[in-house]
PDB file of N, CA and C in Angstrom:
ATOM      1  N   UNK A   1     -13.345  86.456 -23.812  1.00  0.00           N
ATOM      2  CA  UNK A   1     -13.416  85.256 -23.238  1.00  0.00           C
ATOM      3  C   UNK A   1     -14.585  85.403 -22.260  1.00  0.00           C
ATOM      4  N   UNK A   2     -15.796  84.604 -22.560  1.00  0.00           N
ATOM      5  CA  UNK A   2     -16.782  84.576 -21.568  1.00  0.00           C
ATOM      6  C   UNK A   2     -16.417  84.041 -20.064  1.00  0.00           C
ATOM      7  N   UNK A   3     -16.762  84.234 -18.983  1.00  0.00           N
ATOM      8  CA  UNK A   3     -16.873  83.676 -17.642  1.00  0.00           C
ATOM      9  C   UNK A   3     -17.045  82.235 -17.523  1.00  0.00           C
ATOM     10  N   UNK A   4     -16.613  81.692 -16.883  1.00  0.00           N
ATOM     11  CA  UNK A   4     -16.965  80.215 -16.680  1.00  0.00           C
ATOM     12  C   UNK A   4     -18.201  80.007 -16.062  1.00  0.00           C
ATOM     13  N   UNK A   5     -19.211  79.097 -16.271  1.00  0.00           N
ATOM     14  CA  UNK A   5     -20.521  79.075 -15.710  1.00  0.00           C
ATOM     15  C   UNK A   5     -20.283  78.634 -14.460  1.00  0.00           C
ATOM     16  N   UNK A   6     -20.960  78.956 -13.412  1.00  0.00           N
ATOM     17  CA  UNK A   6     -20.955  78.261 -11.994  1.00  0.00           C
ATOM     18  C   UNK A   6     -22.047  77.676 -11.943  1.00  0.00           C
ATOM     19  N   UNK A   7     -22.338  76.644 -10.631  1.00  0.00           N
ATOM     20  CA  UNK A   7     -23.210  75.873 -10.267  1.00  0.00           C
ATOM     21  C   UNK A   7     -23.628  76.454  -9.109  1.00  0.00           C
ATOM     22  N   UNK A   8     -25.276  76.319  -8.800  1.00  0.00           N
ATOM     23  CA  UNK A   8     -25.829  76.624  -7.792  1.00  0.00           C
ATOM     24  C   UNK A   8     -24.901  75.591  -6.481  1.00  0.00           C
ATOM     25  N   UNK A   9     -24.830  75.769  -5.464  1.00  0.00           N
ATOM     26  CA  UNK A   9     -24.218  75.359  -4.113  1.00  0.00           C
ATOM     27  C   UNK A   9     -24.689  73.644  -4.145  1.00  0.00           C
ATOM     28  N   UNK A  10     -26.108  73.442  -3.990  1.00  0.00           N
ATOM     29  CA  UNK A  10     -26.653  72.081  -4.106  1.00  0.00           C
ATOM     30  C   UNK A  10     -26.118  71.254  -4.909  1.00  0.00           C
ATOM     31  N   UNK A  11     -26.218  71.982  -6.539  1.00  0.00           N
ATOM     32  CA  UNK A  11     -25.527  71.227  -7.789  1.00  0.00           C
ATOM     33  C   UNK A  11     -24.242  71.119  -7.343  1.00  0.00           C
ATOM     34  N   UNK A  12     -23.509  71.787  -7.088  1.00  0.00           N
ATOM     35  CA  UNK A  12     -21.699  71.629  -6.990  1.00  0.00           C
ATOM     36  C   UNK A  12     -21.709  70.437  -5.954  1.00  0.00           C
ATOM     37  N   UNK A  13     -22.262  70.618  -4.678  1.00  0.00           N
ATOM     38  CA  UNK A  13     -22.205  69.631  -3.673  1.00  0.00           C
ATOM     39  C   UNK A  13     -22.439  68.164  -4.335  1.00  0.00           C
ATOM     40  N   UNK A  14     -23.607  68.125  -5.039  1.00  0.00           N
ATOM     41  CA  UNK A  14     -23.845  66.614  -5.590  1.00  0.00           C
ATOM     42  C   UNK A  14     -22.962  66.623  -6.467  1.00  0.00           C
ATOM     43  N   UNK A  15     -22.217  67.007  -7.534  1.00  0.00           N
ATOM     44  CA  UNK A  15     -20.999  66.893  -8.308  1.00  0.00           C
ATOM     45  C   UNK A  15     -20.101  66.430  -7.449  1.00  0.00           C
ATOM     46  N   UNK A  16     -19.765  67.107  -6.684  1.00  0.00           N
ATOM     47  CA  UNK A  16     -18.290  66.730  -5.980  1.00  0.00           C
ATOM     48  C   UNK A  16     -18.536  65.188  -5.163  1.00  0.00           C
ATOM     49  N   UNK A  17     -19.828  65.058  -4.576  1.00  0.00           N
ATOM     50  CA  UNK A  17     -19.954  63.827  -3.863  1.00  0.00           C
ATOM     51  C   UNK A  17     -19.674  62.665  -5.056  1.00  0.00           C
ATOM     52  N   UNK A  18     -20.544  62.886  -6.076  1.00  0.00           N
ATOM     53  CA  UNK A  18     -20.213  61.900  -7.132  1.00  0.00           C
ATOM     54  C   UNK A  18     -18.753  61.522  -7.657  1.00  0.00           C
ATOM     55  N   UNK A  19     -18.028  62.883  -7.924  1.00  0.00           N
ATOM     56  CA  UNK A  19     -16.625  62.750  -8.079  1.00  0.00           C
ATOM     57  C   UNK A  19     -15.958  61.938  -7.211  1.00  0.00           C
ATOM     58  N   UNK A  20     -16.192  62.282  -5.893  1.00  0.00           N
ATOM     59  CA  UNK A  20     -15.497  61.479  -4.863  1.00  0.00           C
ATOM     60  C   UNK A  20     -15.804  59.900  -4.784  1.00  0.00           C
ATOM     61  N   UNK A  21     -17.150  59.672  -5.142  1.00  0.00           N
ATOM     62  CA  UNK A  21     -17.472  58.143  -5.228  1.00  0.00           C
ATOM     63  C   UNK A  21     -17.022  57.666  -6.338  1.00  0.00           C
ATOM     64  N   UNK A  22     -16.873  58.182  -7.709  1.00  0.00           N
ATOM     65  CA  UNK A  22     -16.181  57.622  -8.579  1.00  0.00           C
ATOM     66  C   UNK A  22     -14.661  57.644  -8.614  1.00  0.00           C
ATOM     67  N   UNK A  23     -13.985  58.153  -7.605  1.00  0.00           N
ATOM     68  CA  UNK A  23     -12.569  58.000  -7.440  1.00  0.00           C
ATOM     69  C   UNK A  23     -12.267  56.859  -6.488  1.00  0.00           C
ATOM     70  N   UNK A  24     -13.226  56.152  -5.940  1.00  0.00           N
ATOM     71  CA  UNK A  24     -13.134  55.149  -4.940  1.00  0.00           C
ATOM     72  C   UNK A  24     -13.091  53.766  -6.073  1.00  0.00           C
ATOM     73  N   UNK A  25     -13.094  52.549  -5.340  1.00  0.00           N
ATOM     74  CA  UNK A  25     -13.187  51.422  -6.051  1.00  0.00           C
ATOM     75  C   UNK A  25     -14.322  50.412  -5.517  1.00  0.00           C
ATOM     76  N   UNK A  26     -15.518  50.755  -5.902  1.00  0.00           N
ATOM     77  CA  UNK A  26     -16.879  49.811  -5.357  1.00  0.00           C
ATOM     78  C   UNK A  26     -17.697  49.652  -6.707  1.00  0.00           C
ATOM     79  N   UNK A  27     -18.597  48.850  -6.490  1.00  0.00           N
ATOM     80  CA  UNK A  27     -19.527  48.570  -7.619  1.00  0.00           C
ATOM     81  C   UNK A  27     -20.335  49.761  -7.924  1.00  0.00           C
ATOM     82  N   UNK A  28     -20.609  50.576  -6.737  1.00  0.00           N
ATOM     83  CA  UNK A  28     -21.410  51.553  -7.077  1.00  0.00           C
ATOM     84  C   UNK A  28     -20.321  52.885  -7.685  1.00  0.00           C
ATOM     85  N   UNK A  29     -19.094  52.925  -7.138  1.00  0.00           N
ATOM     86  CA  UNK A  29     -18.191  53.662  -7.919  1.00  0.00           C
ATOM     87  C   UNK A  29     -17.896  53.526  -9.421  1.00  0.00           C
ATOM     88  N   UNK A  30     -18.180  52.332  -9.733  1.00  0.00           N
ATOM     89  CA  UNK A  30     -18.105  51.995 -11.248  1.00  0.00           C
ATOM     90  C   UNK A  30     -19.256  52.762 -11.915  1.00  0.00           C
ATOM     91  N   UNK A  31     -20.410  52.587 -11.373  1.00  0.00           N
ATOM     92  CA  UNK A  31     -21.762  53.017 -12.100  1.00  0.00           C
ATOM     93  C   UNK A  31     -21.641  54.493 -11.968  1.00  0.00           C
ATOM     94  N   UNK A  32     -21.165  55.052 -10.789  1.00  0.00           N
ATOM     95  CA  UNK A  32     -20.981  56.834 -10.937  1.00  0.00           C
ATOM     96  C   UNK A  32     -20.076  57.197 -11.918  1.00  0.00           C
ATOM     97  N   UNK A  33     -18.839  56.430 -12.092  1.00  0.00           N
ATOM     98  CA  UNK A  33     -17.906  56.585 -13.099  1.00  0.00           C
ATOM     99  C   UNK A  33     -18.439  56.693 -14.390  1.00  0.00           C
ATOM    100  N   UNK A  34     -19.140  55.475 -14.726  1.00  0.00           N
ATOM    101  CA  UNK A  34     -19.701  55.325 -16.112  1.00  0.00           C
ATOM    102  C   UNK A  34     -20.724  56.569 -16.271  1.00  0.00           C
ATOM    103  N   UNK A  35     -21.667  56.917 -15.255  1.00  0.00           N
ATOM    104  CA  UNK A  35     -22.400  58.054 -15.524  1.00  0.00           C
ATOM    105  C   UNK A  35     -21.571  59.342 -15.825  1.00  0.00           C
ATOM    106  N   UNK A  36     -20.606  59.843 -15.147  1.00  0.00           N
ATOM    107  CA  UNK A  36     -20.029  60.783 -15.466  1.00  0.00           C
ATOM    108  C   UNK A  36     -19.194  60.942 -16.512  1.00  0.00           C
ATOM    109  N   UNK A  37     -18.445  59.671 -16.641  1.00  0.00           N
ATOM    110  CA  UNK A  37     -17.623  59.881 -18.035  1.00  0.00           C
ATOM    111  C   UNK A  37     -18.596  59.649 -19.206  1.00  0.00           C
ATOM    112  N   UNK A  38     -19.904  59.220 -19.341  1.00  0.00           N
ATOM    113  CA  UNK A  38     -20.760  59.313 -20.416  1.00  0.00           C
ATOM    114  C   UNK A  38     -21.167  60.949 -20.737  1.00  0.00           C
ATOM    115  N   UNK A  39     -21.364  61.682 -19.580  1.00  0.00           N
ATOM    116  CA  UNK A  39     -21.296  63.263 -19.607  1.00  0.00           C
ATOM    117  C   UNK A  39     -19.885  64.013 -20.433  1.00  0.00           C
ATOM    118  N   UNK A  40     -18.624  63.449 -19.997  1.00  0.00           N
ATOM    119  CA  UNK A  40     -17.383  63.773 -20.263  1.00  0.00           C
ATOM    120  C   UNK A  40     -17.432  63.773 -21.843  1.00  0.00           C
ATOM    121  N   UNK A  41     -17.506  62.496 -22.379  1.00  0.00           N
ATOM    122  CA  UNK A  41     -17.389  62.059 -23.744  1.00  0.00           C
ATOM    123  C   UNK A  41     -18.106  60.733 -23.823  1.00  0.00           C
ATOM    124  N   UNK A  42     -19.330  60.616 -24.141  1.00  0.00           N
ATOM    125  CA  UNK A  42     -20.142  59.346 -24.317  1.00  0.00           C
ATOM    126  C   UNK A  42     -19.595  58.422 -25.299  1.00  0.00           C
ATOM    127  N   UNK A  43     -19.204  59.037 -26.684  1.00  0.00           N
ATOM    128  CA  UNK A  43     -18.694  58.564 -27.603  1.00  0.00           C
ATOM    129  C   UNK A  43     -17.386  57.471 -27.523  1.00  0.00           C
ATOM    130  N   UNK A  44     -16.598  58.105 -26.878  1.00  0.00           N
ATOM    131  CA  UNK A  44     -15.304  57.875 -26.188  1.00  0.00           C
ATOM    132  C   UNK A  44     -15.495  56.519 -24.917  1.00  0.00           C
ATOM    133  N   UNK A  45     -16.325  57.012 -24.033  1.00  0.00           N
ATOM    134  CA  UNK A  45     -16.390  56.181 -22.775  1.00  0.00           C
ATOM    135  C   UNK A  45     -17.426  55.233 -22.654  1.00  0.00           C
ATOM    136  N   UNK A  46     -18.734  55.303 -23.929  1.00  0.00           N
ATOM    137  CA  UNK A  46     -19.424  54.746 -23.287  1.00  0.00           C
ATOM    138  C   UNK A  46     -20.756  55.403 -22.919  1.00  0.00           C
ATOM    139  N   UNK A  47     -21.915  55.032 -23.160  1.00  0.00           N
ATOM    140  CA  UNK A  47     -23.315  55.744 -22.725  1.00  0.00           C
ATOM    141  C   UNK A  47     -23.352  55.166 -21.280  1.00  0.00           C
ATOM    142  N   UNK A  48     -24.369  55.669 -20.760  1.00  0.00           N
ATOM    143  CA  UNK A  48     -25.129  54.967 -19.504  1.00  0.00           C
ATOM    144  C   UNK A  48     -26.452  54.642 -19.541  1.00  0.00           C
ATOM    145  N   UNK A  49     -26.280  53.251 -18.823  1.00  0.00           N
ATOM    146  CA  UNK A  49     -27.731  52.652 -18.943  1.00  0.00           C
ATOM    147  C   UNK A  49     -28.562  53.144 -17.484  1.00  0.00           C
ATOM    148  N   UNK A  50     -29.776  53.905 -17.970  1.00  0.00           N
ATOM    149  CA  UNK A  50     -30.150  54.565 -16.857  1.00  0.00           C
ATOM    150  C   UNK A  50     -30.826  53.476 -15.753  1.00  0.00           C
ATOM    151  N   UNK A  51     -31.190  52.073 -16.136  1.00  0.00           N
ATOM    152  CA  UNK A  51     -31.606  51.031 -15.135  1.00  0.00           C
ATOM    153  C   UNK A  51     -30.427  50.893 -14.133  1.00  0.00           C
ATOM    154  N   UNK A  52     -29.289  51.517 -14.266  1.00  0.00           N
ATOM    155  CA  UNK A  52     -28.169  51.278 -13.212  1.00  0.00           C
ATOM    156  C   UNK A  52     -28.258  52.095 -12.178  1.00  0.00           C
ATOM    157  N   UNK A  53     -29.337  53.421 -12.053  1.00  0.00           N
ATOM    158  CA  UNK A  53     -29.746  54.098 -10.939  1.00  0.00           C
ATOM    159  C   UNK A  53     -30.287  53.166  -9.976  1.00  0.00           C
ATOM    160  N   UNK A  54     -30.903  51.922 -10.439  1.00  0.00           N
ATOM    161  CA  UNK A  54     -31.437  51.020  -9.457  1.00  0.00           C
ATOM    162  C   UNK A  54     -30.485  50.295  -8.579  1.00  0.00           C
ATOM    163  N   UNK A  55     -28.981  50.235  -9.025  1.00  0.00           N
ATOM    164  CA  UNK A  55     -28.108  49.795  -8.398  1.00  0.00           C
ATOM    165  C   UNK A  55     -27.285  50.635  -7.514  1.00  0.00           C
ATOM    166  N   UNK A  56     -27.740  51.870  -7.346  1.00  0.00           N
ATOM    167  CA  UNK A  56     -27.110  52.797  -6.325  1.00  0.00           C
ATOM    168  C   UNK A  56     -27.895  52.962  -5.227  1.00  0.00           C
ATOM    169  N   UNK A  57     -27.397  53.554  -4.086  1.00  0.00           N
ATOM    170  CA  UNK A  57     -28.211  53.888  -3.035  1.00  0.00           C
ATOM    171  C   UNK A  57     -28.823  55.045  -3.344  1.00  0.00           C
ATOM    172  N   UNK A  58     -30.170  55.416  -2.889  1.00  0.00           N
ATOM    173  CA  UNK A  58     -31.141  56.410  -3.268  1.00  0.00           C
ATOM    174  C   UNK A  58     -30.426  57.594  -3.380  1.00  0.00           C
ATOM    175  N   UNK A  59     -29.572  58.000  -2.281  1.00  0.00           N
ATOM    176  CA  UNK A  59     -28.984  59.310  -2.294  1.00  0.00           C
ATOM    177  C   UNK A  59     -28.024  59.460  -3.431  1.00  0.00           C
ATOM    178  N   UNK A  60     -27.321  58.744  -3.459  1.00  0.00           N
ATOM    179  CA  UNK A  60     -26.443  58.549  -5.245  1.00  0.00           C
ATOM    180  C   UNK A  60     -27.529  58.755  -6.293  1.00  0.00           C
ATOM    181  N   UNK A  61     -28.483  58.143  -6.457  1.00  0.00           N
ATOM    182  CA  UNK A  61     -29.228  58.311  -7.502  1.00  0.00           C
ATOM    183  C   UNK A  61     -30.048  59.705  -7.312  1.00  0.00           C
ATOM    184  N   UNK A  62     -30.556  60.327  -6.516  1.00  0.00           N
ATOM    185  CA  UNK A  62     -30.995  61.606  -6.450  1.00  0.00           C
ATOM    186  C   UNK A  62     -29.865  62.555  -6.810  1.00  0.00           C
ATOM    187  N   UNK A  63     -28.386  62.334  -6.291  1.00  0.00           N
ATOM    188  CA  UNK A  63     -27.366  63.372  -7.217  1.00  0.00           C
ATOM    189  C   UNK A  63     -27.252  62.761  -8.308  1.00  0.00           C
ATOM    190  N   UNK A  64     -27.209  62.168  -9.023  1.00  0.00           N
ATOM    191  CA  UNK A  64     -27.156  61.819 -10.418  1.00  0.00           C
ATOM    192  C   UNK A  64     -28.308  62.454 -11.160  1.00  0.00           C
ATOM    193  N   UNK A  65     -29.594  61.950 -10.807  1.00  0.00           N
ATOM    194  CA  UNK A  65     -30.309  62.893 -11.439  1.00  0.00           C
ATOM    195  C   UNK A  65     -30.360  64.417 -11.267  1.00  0.00           C
ATOM    196  N   UNK A  66     -30.248  64.806 -10.118  1.00  0.00           N
ATOM    197  CA  UNK A  66     -29.809  66.474 -10.342  1.00  0.00           C
ATOM    198  C   UNK A  66     -28.799  66.767 -11.158  1.00  0.00           C
ATOM    199  N   UNK A  67     -27.757  66.121 -11.177  1.00  0.00           N
ATOM    200  CA  UNK A  67     -26.761  66.289 -12.376  1.00  0.00           C
ATOM    201  C   UNK A  67     -27.309  66.298 -13.890  1.00  0.00           C
ATOM    202  N   UNK A  68     -28.233  65.467 -14.124  1.00  0.00           N
ATOM    203  CA  UNK A  68     -28.744  65.332 -15.427  1.00  0.00           C
ATOM    204  C   UNK A  68     -29.356  66.497 -15.628  1.00  0.00           C
ATOM    205  N   UNK A  69     -30.260  67.174 -14.595  1.00  0.00           N
ATOM    206  CA  UNK A  69     -30.746  68.470 -14.740  1.00  0.00           C
ATOM    207  C   UNK A  69     -29.804  69.437 -14.873  1.00  0.00           C
ATOM    208  N   UNK A  70     -28.601  69.404 -14.206  1.00  0.00           N
ATOM    209  CA  UNK A  70     -27.619  70.289 -14.362  1.00  0.00           C
ATOM    210  C   UNK A  70     -27.160  70.405 -15.995  1.00  0.00           C
ATOM    211  N   UNK A  71     -26.959  69.062 -16.357  1.00  0.00           N
ATOM    212  CA  UNK A  71     -26.435  68.908 -17.712  1.00  0.00           C
ATOM    213  C   UNK A  71     -27.321  69.781 -18.925  1.00  0.00           C
ATOM    214  N   UNK A  72     -28.664  69.260 -18.614  1.00  0.00           N
ATOM    215  CA  UNK A  72     -29.729  69.865 -19.675  1.00  0.00           C
ATOM    216  C   UNK A  72     -29.637  71.534 -19.289  1.00  0.00           C
ATOM    217  N   UNK A  73     -29.371  71.994 -18.302  1.00  0.00           N
ATOM    218  CA  UNK A  73     -29.528  73.261 -18.068  1.00  0.00           C
ATOM    219  C   UNK A  73     -28.419  74.278 -18.556  1.00  0.00           C
ATOM    220  N   UNK A  74     -27.188  73.619 -18.027  1.00  0.00           N
ATOM    221  CA  UNK A  74     -26.262  74.498 -18.269  1.00  0.00           C
ATOM    222  C   UNK A  74     -25.496  74.243 -19.730  1.00  0.00           C
ATOM    223  N   UNK A  75     -25.939  73.189 -20.340  1.00  0.00           N
ATOM    224  CA  UNK A  75     -25.033  72.963 -21.913  1.00  0.00           C
ATOM    225  C   UNK A  75     -23.700  73.164 -21.769  1.00  0.00           C
ATOM    226  N   UNK A  76     -22.946  72.522 -20.747  1.00  0.00           N
ATOM    227  CA  UNK A  76     -21.681  72.548 -20.900  1.00  0.00           C
ATOM    228  C   UNK A  76     -21.176  71.404 -20.410  1.00  0.00           C
ATOM    229  N   UNK A  77     -19.781  71.059 -20.645  1.00  0.00           N
ATOM    230  CA  UNK A  77     -19.143  69.729 -20.072  1.00  0.00           C
ATOM    231  C   UNK A  77     -18.361  70.231 -18.817  1.00  0.00           C
ATOM    232  N   UNK A  78     -17.910  69.080 -18.142  1.00  0.00           N
ATOM    233  CA  UNK A  78     -17.375  69.025 -17.045  1.00  0.00           C
ATOM    234  C   UNK A  78     -16.243  69.915 -16.628  1.00  0.00           C
ATOM    235  N   UNK A  79     -15.401  69.829 -17.836  1.00  0.00           N
ATOM    236  CA  UNK A  79     -14.188  70.523 -17.916  1.00  0.00           C
ATOM    237  C   UNK A  79     -14.319  72.237 -18.187  1.00  0.00           C
ATOM    238  N   UNK A  80     -15.825  72.711 -18.516  1.00  0.00           N
ATOM    239  CA  UNK A  80     -15.869  74.068 -18.666  1.00  0.00           C
ATOM    240  C   UNK A  80     -16.435  74.561 -17.375  1.00  0.00           C
ATOM    241  N   UNK A  81     -16.702  73.675 -16.444  1.00  0.00           N
ATOM    242  CA  UNK A  81     -17.260  73.964 -15.151  1.00  0.00           C
ATOM    243  C   UNK A  81     -16.056  73.802 -13.922  1.00  0.00           C
ATOM    244  N   UNK A  82     -14.605  73.608 -14.616  1.00  0.00           N
ATOM    245  CA  UNK A  82     -13.643  73.514 -13.780  1.00  0.00           C
ATOM    246  C   UNK A  82     -13.267  72.230 -13.240  1.00  0.00           C
ATOM    247  N   UNK A  83     -13.868  71.087 -13.720  1.00  0.00           N
ATOM    248  CA  UNK A  83     -13.705  69.615 -13.064  1.00  0.00           C
ATOM    249  C   UNK A  83     -12.784  68.955 -14.039  1.00  0.00           C
ATOM    250  N   UNK A  84     -11.961  69.457 -14.743  1.00  0.00           N
ATOM    251  CA  UNK A  84     -11.260  68.723 -15.936  1.00  0.00           C
ATOM    252  C   UNK A  84     -10.337  67.630 -15.177  1.00  0.00           C
ATOM    253  N   UNK A  85      -9.476  68.268 -14.341  1.00  0.00           N
ATOM    254  CA  UNK A  85      -8.814  67.169 -13.618  1.00  0.00           C
ATOM    255  C   UNK A  85      -9.039  65.950 -12.732  1.00  0.00           C
ATOM    256  N   UNK A  86     -10.469  66.465 -12.260  1.00  0.00           N
ATOM    257  CA  UNK A  86     -11.249  65.341 -11.499  1.00  0.00           C
ATOM    258  C   UNK A  86     -11.790  64.320 -12.561  1.00  0.00           C
ATOM    259  N   UNK A  87     -12.283  64.698 -13.667  1.00  0.00           N
ATOM    260  CA  UNK A  87     -12.691  63.712 -14.709  1.00  0.00           C
ATOM    261  C   UNK A  87     -11.757  62.662 -15.326  1.00  0.00           C
ATOM    262  N   UNK A  88     -10.429  63.750 -15.554  1.00  0.00           N
ATOM    263  CA  UNK A  88      -9.369  62.965 -16.183  1.00  0.00           C
ATOM    264  C   UNK A  88      -8.698  61.699 -15.000  1.00  0.00           C
ATOM    265  N   UNK A  89      -9.067  62.089 -13.892  1.00  0.00           N
ATOM    266  CA  UNK A  89      -8.676  60.931 -12.704  1.00  0.00           C
ATOM    267  C   UNK A  89      -9.580  59.989 -12.636  1.00  0.00           C
ATOM    268  N   UNK A  90     -10.860  60.337 -13.082  1.00  0.00           N
ATOM    269  CA  UNK A  90     -12.173  59.071 -13.186  1.00  0.00           C
ATOM    270  C   UNK A  90     -11.768  58.150 -14.292  1.00  0.00           C
ATOM    271  N   UNK A  91     -11.231  58.912 -15.645  1.00  0.00           N
ATOM    272  CA  UNK A  91     -10.679  58.092 -16.662  1.00  0.00           C
ATOM    273  C   UNK A  91      -9.756  57.431 -16.553  1.00  0.00           C
ATOM    274  N   UNK A  92      -8.675  57.749 -15.731  1.00  0.00           N
ATOM    275  CA  UNK A  92      -7.544  57.221 -15.489  1.00  0.00           C
ATOM    276  C   UNK A  92      -7.815  55.926 -14.835  1.00  0.00           C
ATOM    277  N   UNK A  93      -8.751  55.998 -13.845  1.00  0.00           N
ATOM    278  CA  UNK A  93      -9.294  54.840 -12.699  1.00  0.00           C
ATOM    279  C   UNK A  93     -10.009  54.073 -13.603  1.00  0.00           C
ATOM    280  N   UNK A  94     -10.927  54.365 -14.286  1.00  0.00           N
ATOM    281  CA  UNK A  94     -11.934  53.324 -15.075  1.00  0.00           C
ATOM    282  C   UNK A  94     -11.857  53.127 -16.498  1.00  0.00           C
ATOM    283  N   UNK A  95     -11.110  53.727 -17.273  1.00  0.00           N
ATOM    284  CA  UNK A  95     -10.905  53.574 -18.750  1.00  0.00           C
ATOM    285  C   UNK A  95      -9.399  53.476 -19.194  1.00  0.00           C
ATOM    286  N   UNK A  96      -8.517  54.142 -18.622  1.00  0.00           N
ATOM    287  CA  UNK A  96      -7.036  53.892 -19.346  1.00  0.00           C
ATOM    288  C   UNK A  96      -6.831  52.623 -18.926  1.00  0.00           C
ATOM    289  N   UNK A  97      -6.237  52.192 -20.042  1.00  0.00           N
ATOM    290  CA  UNK A  97      -5.479  50.697 -19.834  1.00  0.00           C
ATOM    291  C   UNK A  97      -4.203  50.773 -19.165  1.00  0.00           C
ATOM    292  N   UNK A  98      -3.999  50.100 -18.486  1.00  0.00           N
ATOM    293  CA  UNK A  98      -2.490  50.066 -17.647  1.00  0.00           C
ATOM    294  C   UNK A  98      -2.005  48.552 -17.796  1.00  0.00           C
ATOM    295  N   UNK A  99      -0.721  48.223 -17.388  1.00  0.00           N
ATOM    296  CA  UNK A  99      -0.203  47.142 -17.259  1.00  0.00           C
ATOM    297  C   UNK A  99      -0.887  45.666 -16.232  1.00  0.00           C
ATOM    298  N   UNK A 100      -1.269  46.745 -15.193  1.00  0.00           N
ATOM    299  CA  UNK A 100      -1.801  45.985 -14.009  1.00  0.00           C
ATOM    300  C   UNK A 100      -3.247  45.677 -14.188  1.00  0.00           C
ATOM    301  N   UNK A 101      -4.145  46.408 -15.275  1.00  0.00           N
ATOM    302  CA  UNK A 101      -5.446  46.037 -15.538  1.00  0.00           C
ATOM    303  C   UNK A 101      -5.290  45.265 -16.630  1.00  0.00           C
ATOM    304  N   UNK A 102      -4.271  45.053 -17.384  1.00  0.00           N
ATOM    305  CA  UNK A 102      -4.352  44.361 -18.840  1.00  0.00           C
ATOM    306  C   UNK A 102      -4.462  42.847 -18.331  1.00  0.00           C
ATOM    307  N   UNK A 103      -5.077  42.229 -19.314  1.00  0.00           N
ATOM    308  CA  UNK A 103      -5.139  40.635 -19.180  1.00  0.00           C
ATOM    309  C   UNK A 103      -4.346  40.269 -20.347  1.00  0.00           C
ATOM    310  N   UNK A 104      -3.117  39.521 -20.129  1.00  0.00           N
ATOM    311  CA  UNK A 104      -2.473  38.966 -21.003  1.00  0.00           C
ATOM    312  C   UNK A 104      -3.134  37.640 -21.614  1.00  0.00           C
ATOM    313  N   UNK A 105      -2.702  37.702 -23.098  1.00  0.00           N
ATOM    314  CA  UNK A 105      -3.242  36.565 -23.966  1.00  0.00           C
ATOM    315  C   UNK A 105      -2.049  35.225 -24.187  1.00  0.00           C
TER     316      UNK A 105
END
């Protein structure tokens, strides 16, 4: 079994900041969650509209751009990097249907 890829510290810090934001409940959190979930599984979670970068603070956009470079370079999914639980929580918060989120007809 090959060792788990590791991220350089600035990339790890950026990813962990984005994860913290996605675990919140704000408009920017939704955008960051959409971005991260598109990396996790775009076909199941939807793609990411790049112009959404315009709707987040510049620091958040810079972290997202850095993570794009990480994705291109590492060619691996977040679970491979050790972030499976964090991404599952993002999915639960932003994608998993629940009775409290469901709209009754």
